[in-house]
Amino acid sequence: MQEYLYEAPLIVFEGIDGSGKSTQAKRLLRYLKRYVDSGAKYTKEPTHQIPKGNEIRKVLMGDAQMDPLELQKLYVEDRDWHLHYVIIPELAQGHTVICDRYFLSTVAYGSIDSDIDTLIEMNQEIEHFFLPDLTIVIDIDPKEGLKRRESDSELDIFEKEEKTSKVRAAYKRLARRFDDVIVINGARSEDEVFEDVLRHVNKVLVRRREVIPQREEEVIEQVKGTPE
């Protein structure tokens, strides 16, 4: 694992399904494009760009089956491609990158069936692998997450809740283990969550660039009205 070498920040959003992480990631993108970096990039994992990413999605959708550790190897290969062809080129151009899921997703979800340390080592073997400037874990109760996504559920609700609870616990352990990982209470309104997101992101921007010379509440109101 290498040291973070880029001037522009990599900001990652993590959380269980239904946490609202994608909503917050896209809202932050609008904020950054308007006030900080017009070239800011939103991306997500697994990707749609290579066969590995598509294979992962087939397994997640229940259209294919695979040994849990083999599935995690696919995640690592997909991340290797994503880093080399999307994330690193954008950072090298000075553009902020917002990534919807990254390294911690592999470890948190993979820990249901595989050893956490093994999963961490698999990712650290990626050439030029590095940790983000900031990882934001949007934390909610699994019951609430499942309620938000109940139309997507094909598994028994109790089975999904049990697995999601394990993933949530894994995220909290990982947040204590790695630097620059913060956990935000996602059980509040979208605006309240975004206020917390913005506060932590602005700390990164102070280190990397210039913080926006406006009060956070004013920026939040303006970003709410900005189209996608």
Protein backbone atom coordinates (compact mmCIF):
# COMPACT_ATOMS: atom_id res chain seq x y z
CA MET A 1 0.00 0.00 0.00
CA GLN A 2 1.48 3.32 -1.03
CA GLU A 3 1.28 6.78 0.47
CA TYR A 4 -1.36 9.19 -0.88
CA LEU A 5 0.54 11.25 -3.47
CA TYR A 6 -2.09 13.53 -5.04
CA GLU A 7 -3.02 17.13 -4.44
CA ALA A 8 -6.69 16.52 -5.21
CA PRO A 9 -8.67 14.49 -2.66
CA LEU A 10 -10.29 11.09 -3.02
CA ILE A 11 -13.48 11.03 -0.95
CA VAL A 12 -15.30 7.73 -0.50
CA PHE A 13 -18.84 7.07 0.73
CA GLU A 14 -19.59 3.76 2.43
CA GLY A 15 -22.51 2.19 4.25
CA ILE A 16 -25.00 -0.63 4.21
CA ASP A 17 -27.60 -0.79 1.44
CA GLY A 18 -30.27 1.83 1.97
CA SER A 19 -28.03 4.09 4.07
CA GLY A 20 -28.37 7.04 1.71
CA LYS A 21 -24.66 7.10 0.83
CA SER A 22 -25.28 7.51 -2.93
CA THR A 23 -27.64 10.42 -2.32
CA GLN A 24 -25.01 12.15 -0.19
CA ALA A 25 -22.21 11.39 -2.66
CA LYS A 26 -24.12 12.93 -5.56
CA ARG A 27 -25.14 15.92 -3.49
CA LEU A 28 -21.51 16.50 -2.57
CA LEU A 29 -20.60 16.28 -6.25
CA ARG A 30 -23.01 19.15 -7.03
CA TYR A 31 -21.49 21.17 -4.21
CA LEU A 32 -17.93 20.60 -5.38
CA LYS A 33 -18.69 21.30 -9.03
CA ARG A 34 -20.36 24.57 -8.15
CA TYR A 35 -17.97 25.91 -5.53
CA VAL A 36 -14.64 24.09 -5.65
CA ASP A 37 -13.80 21.93 -8.63
CA SER A 38 -15.81 22.00 -11.85
CA GLY A 39 -13.98 18.86 -12.94
CA ALA A 40 -14.95 16.81 -9.87
CA LYS A 41 -15.71 13.20 -10.79
CA TYR A 42 -18.32 10.80 -9.40
CA THR A 43 -17.64 7.10 -9.80
CA LYS A 44 -18.68 3.88 -8.10
CA GLU A 45 -17.78 0.26 -7.47
CA PRO A 46 -18.24 -2.31 -8.75
CA THR A 47 -17.75 -0.76 -12.16
CA HIS A 48 -19.65 -1.47 -15.37
CA GLN A 49 -16.55 -1.08 -17.50
CA ILE A 50 -14.89 -4.48 -17.52
CA PRO A 51 -16.09 -8.11 -17.44
CA LYS A 52 -15.05 -8.45 -13.78
CA GLY A 53 -17.50 -5.74 -12.72
CA ASN A 54 -20.30 -7.31 -14.73
CA GLU A 55 -19.56 -10.74 -13.25
CA ILE A 56 -19.84 -9.25 -9.75
CA ARG A 57 -23.21 -7.70 -10.56
CA LYS A 58 -24.53 -11.03 -11.85
CA VAL A 59 -23.65 -12.66 -8.52
CA LEU A 60 -25.20 -9.79 -6.55
CA MET A 61 -28.40 -10.03 -8.60
CA GLY A 62 -28.60 -13.79 -8.01
CA ASP A 63 -28.02 -14.64 -11.66
CA ALA A 64 -24.80 -16.53 -10.89
CA GLN A 65 -23.15 -18.29 -7.96
CA MET A 66 -19.53 -18.15 -6.84
CA ASP A 67 -17.30 -19.10 -3.93
CA PRO A 68 -17.18 -16.10 -1.53
CA LEU A 69 -13.41 -15.70 -1.69
CA GLU A 70 -13.42 -15.94 -5.49
CA LEU A 71 -16.04 -13.19 -5.54
CA GLN A 72 -13.77 -11.00 -3.41
CA LYS A 73 -10.92 -11.61 -5.86
CA LEU A 74 -13.17 -10.23 -8.60
CA TYR A 75 -13.77 -7.12 -6.49
CA VAL A 76 -10.02 -6.66 -6.12
CA GLU A 77 -9.42 -7.06 -9.87
CA ASP A 78 -12.22 -4.62 -10.62
CA ARG A 79 -10.72 -2.13 -8.14
CA ASP A 80 -7.30 -2.53 -9.74
CA TRP A 81 -8.79 -1.50 -13.11
CA HIS A 82 -10.81 1.30 -11.52
CA LEU A 83 -7.75 2.77 -9.82
CA HIS A 84 -5.53 2.67 -12.87
CA TYR A 85 -7.99 3.86 -15.50
CA VAL A 86 -10.42 6.14 -13.61
CA ILE A 87 -9.37 7.26 -10.14
CA ILE A 88 -5.63 7.87 -10.58
CA PRO A 89 -5.93 9.68 -13.96
CA GLU A 90 -8.56 12.05 -12.52
CA LEU A 91 -6.53 12.74 -9.38
CA ALA A 92 -3.40 13.30 -11.48
CA GLN A 93 -5.27 16.02 -13.39
CA GLY A 94 -6.09 17.73 -10.09
CA HIS A 95 -9.75 16.68 -10.03
CA THR A 96 -11.51 15.64 -6.84
CA VAL A 97 -12.87 12.09 -7.05
CA ILE A 98 -15.98 11.00 -5.14
CA CYS A 99 -16.28 7.21 -5.07
CA ASP A 100 -19.45 5.36 -4.09
CA ARG A 101 -17.98 2.27 -2.37
CA TYR A 102 -14.30 1.30 -2.38
CA PHE A 103 -11.94 -0.77 -0.26
CA LEU A 104 -14.01 -0.91 2.95
CA SER A 105 -17.04 -2.31 1.12
CA THR A 106 -15.05 -5.33 0.02
CA VAL A 107 -13.85 -5.94 3.56
CA ALA A 108 -17.12 -5.20 5.39
CA TYR A 109 -19.35 -7.28 3.11
CA GLY A 110 -16.71 -9.94 2.48
CA SER A 111 -16.24 -10.45 6.22
CA ILE A 112 -19.57 -12.28 6.36
CA ASP A 113 -17.90 -15.30 4.72
CA SER A 114 -14.15 -14.55 4.73
CA ASP A 115 -11.39 -13.48 7.12
CA ILE A 116 -11.02 -9.69 7.40
CA ASP A 117 -7.21 -9.72 7.44
CA THR A 118 -7.13 -11.87 4.30
CA LEU A 119 -9.41 -9.40 2.52
CA ILE A 120 -7.27 -6.44 3.60
CA GLU A 121 -4.12 -8.16 2.36
CA MET A 122 -5.75 -8.92 -1.01
CA ASN A 123 -6.42 -5.23 -1.55
CA GLN A 124 -3.00 -4.12 -0.37
CA GLU A 125 -1.45 -6.27 -3.08
CA ILE A 126 -2.99 -4.04 -5.79
CA GLU A 127 -0.25 -2.04 -7.49
CA HIS A 128 -0.41 1.63 -6.42
CA PHE A 129 -3.26 0.88 -3.97
CA PHE A 130 -3.83 3.70 -1.47
CA LEU A 131 -6.41 4.69 1.10
CA PRO A 132 -8.70 7.70 0.49
CA ASP A 133 -8.17 11.18 1.90
CA LEU A 134 -11.54 10.71 3.61
CA THR A 135 -13.97 7.83 3.96
CA ILE A 136 -17.48 8.69 5.16
CA VAL A 137 -19.54 5.80 6.50
CA ILE A 138 -23.25 6.64 6.59
CA ASP A 139 -24.54 4.57 9.49
CA ILE A 140 -28.16 3.50 9.91
CA ASP A 141 -30.00 0.67 11.61
CA PRO A 142 -30.31 -2.35 9.27
CA LYS A 143 -34.11 -2.40 9.73
CA GLU A 144 -34.31 1.14 8.38
CA GLY A 145 -32.01 0.30 5.49
CA LEU A 146 -34.12 -2.70 4.55
CA LYS A 147 -37.30 -0.64 4.84
CA ARG A 148 -35.90 1.87 2.36
CA ARG A 149 -35.06 -0.95 -0.06
CA GLU A 150 -37.83 -3.42 0.66
CA SER A 151 -38.86 -3.59 -3.00
CA ASP A 152 -35.35 -4.86 -3.86
CA SER A 153 -35.40 -7.70 -1.36
CA GLU A 154 -35.50 -11.27 -2.62
CA LEU A 155 -34.04 -12.89 0.49
CA ASP A 156 -36.00 -13.59 3.63
CA ILE A 157 -36.20 -10.32 5.57
CA PHE A 158 -34.70 -11.85 8.72
CA GLU A 159 -31.80 -13.37 6.79
CA LYS A 160 -31.03 -10.01 5.19
CA GLU A 161 -31.26 -8.18 8.51
CA GLU A 162 -28.85 -10.59 10.16
CA LYS A 163 -26.29 -10.24 7.36
CA THR A 164 -26.66 -6.48 7.19
CA SER A 165 -26.13 -6.21 10.95
CA LYS A 166 -22.81 -8.06 10.54
CA VAL A 167 -21.78 -5.68 7.76
CA ARG A 168 -22.67 -2.66 9.90
CA ALA A 169 -20.60 -4.01 12.78
CA ALA A 170 -17.68 -4.64 10.42
CA TYR A 171 -17.80 -1.05 9.17
CA LYS A 172 -17.58 0.22 12.75
CA ARG A 173 -14.58 -2.01 13.48
CA LEU A 174 -12.85 -0.84 10.32
CA ALA A 175 -13.52 2.81 11.17
CA ARG A 176 -11.53 2.29 14.36
CA ARG A 177 -8.77 0.43 12.55
CA PHE A 178 -8.04 2.84 9.68
CA ASP A 179 -7.22 6.55 9.67
CA ASP A 180 -9.42 9.18 8.02
CA VAL A 181 -12.62 7.12 8.36
CA ILE A 182 -15.54 8.88 10.01
CA VAL A 183 -18.98 7.48 10.85
CA ILE A 184 -22.00 9.75 10.41
CA ASN A 185 -25.48 9.12 11.81
CA GLY A 186 -27.65 8.53 8.72
CA ALA A 187 -30.93 8.20 10.62
CA ARG A 188 -31.58 11.95 10.31
CA SER A 189 -32.90 14.11 7.49
CA GLU A 190 -30.92 14.36 4.28
CA ASP A 191 -30.06 18.00 5.08
CA GLU A 192 -28.77 17.18 8.56
CA VAL A 193 -26.60 14.37 7.24
CA PHE A 194 -25.24 16.64 4.51
CA GLU A 195 -24.28 19.27 7.08
CA ASP A 196 -22.04 16.68 8.76
CA VAL A 197 -20.66 15.52 5.42
CA LEU A 198 -19.82 19.08 4.44
CA ARG A 199 -18.11 19.80 7.73
CA HIS A 200 -15.75 16.86 7.36
CA VAL A 201 -15.15 17.43 3.65
CA ASN A 202 -14.26 21.08 4.26
CA LYS A 203 -11.54 19.95 6.67
CA VAL A 204 -10.03 17.97 3.80
CA LEU A 205 -10.38 20.93 1.44
CA VAL A 206 -8.55 23.13 3.93
CA ARG A 207 -5.63 20.72 3.77
CA ARG A 208 -5.75 20.29 0.01
CA ARG A 209 -7.23 23.44 -1.49
CA GLU A 210 -9.27 26.41 -0.31
CA VAL A 211 -12.33 26.16 1.88
CA ILE A 212 -15.41 27.91 0.55
CA PRO A 213 -15.66 31.42 2.08
CA GLN A 214 -19.33 31.00 2.97
CA ARG A 215 -21.25 29.78 5.97
CA GLU A 216 -22.08 26.09 5.65
CA GLU A 217 -25.83 26.64 6.05
CA GLU A 218 -25.81 29.10 3.13
CA VAL A 219 -23.99 26.64 0.90
CA ILE A 220 -26.36 23.83 1.88
CA GLU A 221 -29.39 25.89 0.88
CA GLN A 222 -27.82 26.77 -2.47
CA VAL A 223 -26.76 23.21 -3.25
CA LYS A 224 -30.28 21.94 -2.50
CA GLY A 225 -31.52 23.98 -5.40
CA THR A 226 -28.79 22.95 -7.84
CA PRO A 227 -29.98 20.54 -10.56
CA GLU A 228 -28.33 17.13 -11.04
